[in-house]
């Protein structure tokens, strides 16, 4: 499940490059998991 979340978050970040602020928490969470 963690891998699935990682890919979903990565896809969201890549598709919404302009909304980096919104996905900054996702990035932090990914770093916390990894």
PDB file of N, CA and C in Angstrom:
ATOM      1  N   UNK A   1       0.838  -1.207   0.000  1.00  0.00           N
ATOM      2  CA  UNK A   1       0.000   0.000   0.000  1.00  0.00           C
ATOM      3  C   UNK A   1       0.873   1.257   0.000  1.00  0.00           C
ATOM      4  N   UNK A   2       1.983   1.186   0.701  1.00  0.00           N
ATOM      5  CA  UNK A   2       2.878   2.345   0.737  1.00  0.00           C
ATOM      6  C   UNK A   2       3.408   2.653  -0.660  1.00  0.00           C
ATOM      7  N   UNK A   3       3.719   1.606  -1.425  1.00  0.00           N
ATOM      8  CA  UNK A   3       4.215   1.814  -2.793  1.00  0.00           C
ATOM      9  C   UNK A   3       3.134   2.468  -3.646  1.00  0.00           C
ATOM     10  N   UNK A   4       1.911   2.003  -3.508  1.00  0.00           N
ATOM     11  CA  UNK A   4       0.802   2.566  -4.287  1.00  0.00           C
ATOM     12  C   UNK A   4       0.640   4.048  -3.958  1.00  0.00           C
ATOM     13  N   UNK A   5       0.697   4.364  -2.670  1.00  0.00           N
ATOM     14  CA  UNK A   5       0.570   5.759  -2.241  1.00  0.00           C
ATOM     15  C   UNK A   5       1.697   6.595  -2.827  1.00  0.00           C
ATOM     16  N   UNK A   6       2.901   6.033  -2.825  1.00  0.00           N
ATOM     17  CA  UNK A   6       4.065   6.744  -3.360  1.00  0.00           C
ATOM     18  C   UNK A   6       3.849   7.101  -4.821  1.00  0.00           C
ATOM     19  N   UNK A   7       3.399   6.119  -5.615  1.00  0.00           N
ATOM     20  CA  UNK A   7       3.193   6.363  -7.051  1.00  0.00           C
ATOM     21  C   UNK A   7       2.035   7.331  -7.284  1.00  0.00           C
ATOM     22  N   UNK A   8       0.983   7.232  -6.480  1.00  0.00           N
ATOM     23  CA  UNK A   8      -0.154   8.147  -6.624  1.00  0.00           C
ATOM     24  C   UNK A   8       0.265   9.576  -6.307  1.00  0.00           C
ATOM     25  N   UNK A   9       1.027   9.728  -5.228  1.00  0.00           N
ATOM     26  CA  UNK A   9       1.499  11.055  -4.834  1.00  0.00           C
ATOM     27  C   UNK A   9       2.447  11.609  -5.888  1.00  0.00           C
ATOM     28  N   UNK A  10       3.327  10.748  -6.388  1.00  0.00           N
ATOM     29  CA  UNK A  10       4.285  11.172  -7.412  1.00  0.00           C
ATOM     30  C   UNK A  10       3.550  11.629  -8.666  1.00  0.00           C
ATOM     31  N   UNK A  11       2.550  10.869  -9.081  1.00  0.00           N
ATOM     32  CA  UNK A  11       1.765  11.222 -10.266  1.00  0.00           C
ATOM     33  C   UNK A  11       1.036  12.548 -10.036  1.00  0.00           C
ATOM     34  N   UNK A  12       0.495  12.721  -8.840  1.00  0.00           N
ATOM     35  CA  UNK A  12      -0.222  13.956  -8.518  1.00  0.00           C
ATOM     36  C   UNK A  12       0.719  15.155  -8.583  1.00  0.00           C
ATOM     37  N   UNK A  13       1.925  14.981  -8.045  1.00  0.00           N
ATOM     38  CA  UNK A  13       2.911  16.063  -8.051  1.00  0.00           C
ATOM     39  C   UNK A  13       3.331  16.389  -9.482  1.00  0.00           C
ATOM     40  N   UNK A  14       3.544  15.356 -10.290  1.00  0.00           N
ATOM     41  CA  UNK A  14       3.993  15.565 -11.668  1.00  0.00           C
ATOM     42  C   UNK A  14       2.911  16.227 -12.513  1.00  0.00           C
ATOM     43  N   UNK A  15       1.645  15.812 -12.316  1.00  0.00           N
ATOM     44  CA  UNK A  15       0.553  16.356 -13.115  1.00  0.00           C
ATOM     45  C   UNK A  15       0.141  17.741 -12.629  1.00  0.00           C
ATOM     46  N   UNK A  16       0.425  18.056 -11.375  1.00  0.00           N
ATOM     47  CA  UNK A  16       0.061  19.364 -10.825  1.00  0.00           C
ATOM     48  C   UNK A  16       1.308  20.101 -10.366  1.00  0.00           C
ATOM     49  N   UNK A  17       2.218  20.317 -11.299  1.00  0.00           N
ATOM     50  CA  UNK A  17       3.487  20.965 -10.966  1.00  0.00           C
ATOM     51  C   UNK A  17       3.265  22.379 -10.438  1.00  0.00           C
ATOM     52  N   UNK A  18       2.197  23.031 -10.882  1.00  0.00           N
ATOM     53  CA  UNK A  18       1.919  24.397 -10.446  1.00  0.00           C
ATOM     54  C   UNK A  18       1.415  24.432  -9.005  1.00  0.00           C
ATOM     55  N   UNK A  19       0.867  23.312  -8.548  1.00  0.00           N
ATOM     56  CA  UNK A  19       0.331  23.267  -7.183  1.00  0.00           C
ATOM     57  C   UNK A  19       1.342  22.630  -6.232  1.00  0.00           C
ATOM     58  N   UNK A  20       2.594  23.035  -6.372  1.00  0.00           N
ATOM     59  CA  UNK A  20       3.641  22.452  -5.523  1.00  0.00           C
ATOM     60  C   UNK A  20       3.382  22.733  -4.053  1.00  0.00           C
ATOM     61  N   UNK A  21       2.856  23.900  -3.739  1.00  0.00           N
ATOM     62  CA  UNK A  21       2.573  24.240  -2.338  1.00  0.00           C
ATOM     63  C   UNK A  21       1.588  23.244  -1.738  1.00  0.00           C
ATOM     64  N   UNK A  22       0.569  22.910  -2.533  1.00  0.00           N
ATOM     65  CA  UNK A  22      -0.467  21.997  -2.060  1.00  0.00           C
ATOM     66  C   UNK A  22       0.105  20.612  -1.795  1.00  0.00           C
ATOM     67  N   UNK A  23       1.017  20.180  -2.659  1.00  0.00           N
ATOM     68  CA  UNK A  23       1.557  18.831  -2.532  1.00  0.00           C
ATOM     69  C   UNK A  23       2.856  18.785  -1.733  1.00  0.00           C
ATOM     70  N   UNK A  24       3.254  19.929  -1.173  1.00  0.00           N
ATOM     71  CA  UNK A  24       4.489  19.968  -0.386  1.00  0.00           C
ATOM     72  C   UNK A  24       4.363  19.051   0.829  1.00  0.00           C
ATOM     73  N   UNK A  25       3.155  18.977   1.402  1.00  0.00           N
ATOM     74  CA  UNK A  25       2.950  18.095   2.559  1.00  0.00           C
ATOM     75  C   UNK A  25       3.070  16.639   2.139  1.00  0.00           C
ATOM     76  N   UNK A  26       2.632  16.337   0.911  1.00  0.00           N
ATOM     77  CA  UNK A  26       2.761  14.967   0.386  1.00  0.00           C
ATOM     78  C   UNK A  26       4.232  14.607   0.272  1.00  0.00           C
ATOM     79  N   UNK A  27       5.005  15.552  -0.237  1.00  0.00           N
ATOM     80  CA  UNK A  27       6.436  15.325  -0.396  1.00  0.00           C
ATOM     81  C   UNK A  27       7.073  15.039   0.956  1.00  0.00           C
ATOM     82  N   UNK A  28       6.709  15.840   1.948  1.00  0.00           N
ATOM     83  CA  UNK A  28       7.243  15.654   3.298  1.00  0.00           C
ATOM     84  C   UNK A  28       6.840  14.285   3.846  1.00  0.00           C
ATOM     85  N   UNK A  29       5.605  13.890   3.581  1.00  0.00           N
ATOM     86  CA  UNK A  29       5.122  12.594   4.054  1.00  0.00           C
ATOM     87  C   UNK A  29       5.872  11.458   3.381  1.00  0.00           C
ATOM     88  N   UNK A  30       6.136  11.597   2.089  1.00  0.00           N
ATOM     89  CA  UNK A  30       6.889  10.581   1.349  1.00  0.00           C
ATOM     90  C   UNK A  30       8.288  10.446   1.942  1.00  0.00           C
ATOM     91  N   UNK A  31       8.915  11.570   2.232  1.00  0.00           N
ATOM     92  CA  UNK A  31      10.261  11.538   2.810  1.00  0.00           C
ATOM     93  C   UNK A  31      10.217  10.869   4.178  1.00  0.00           C
ATOM     94  N   UNK A  32       9.133  11.088   4.917  1.00  0.00           N
ATOM     95  CA  UNK A  32       8.986  10.488   6.244  1.00  0.00           C
ATOM     96  C   UNK A  32       8.840   8.974   6.128  1.00  0.00           C
ATOM     97  N   UNK A  33       8.093   8.520   5.115  1.00  0.00           N
ATOM     98  CA  UNK A  33       7.875   7.083   4.909  1.00  0.00           C
ATOM     99  C   UNK A  33       9.145   6.422   4.398  1.00  0.00           C
ATOM    100  N   UNK A  34       9.825   7.073   3.447  1.00  0.00           N
ATOM    101  CA  UNK A  34      11.006   6.495   2.811  1.00  0.00           C
ATOM    102  C   UNK A  34      12.259   6.584   3.681  1.00  0.00           C
TER     103      UNK A  34
END
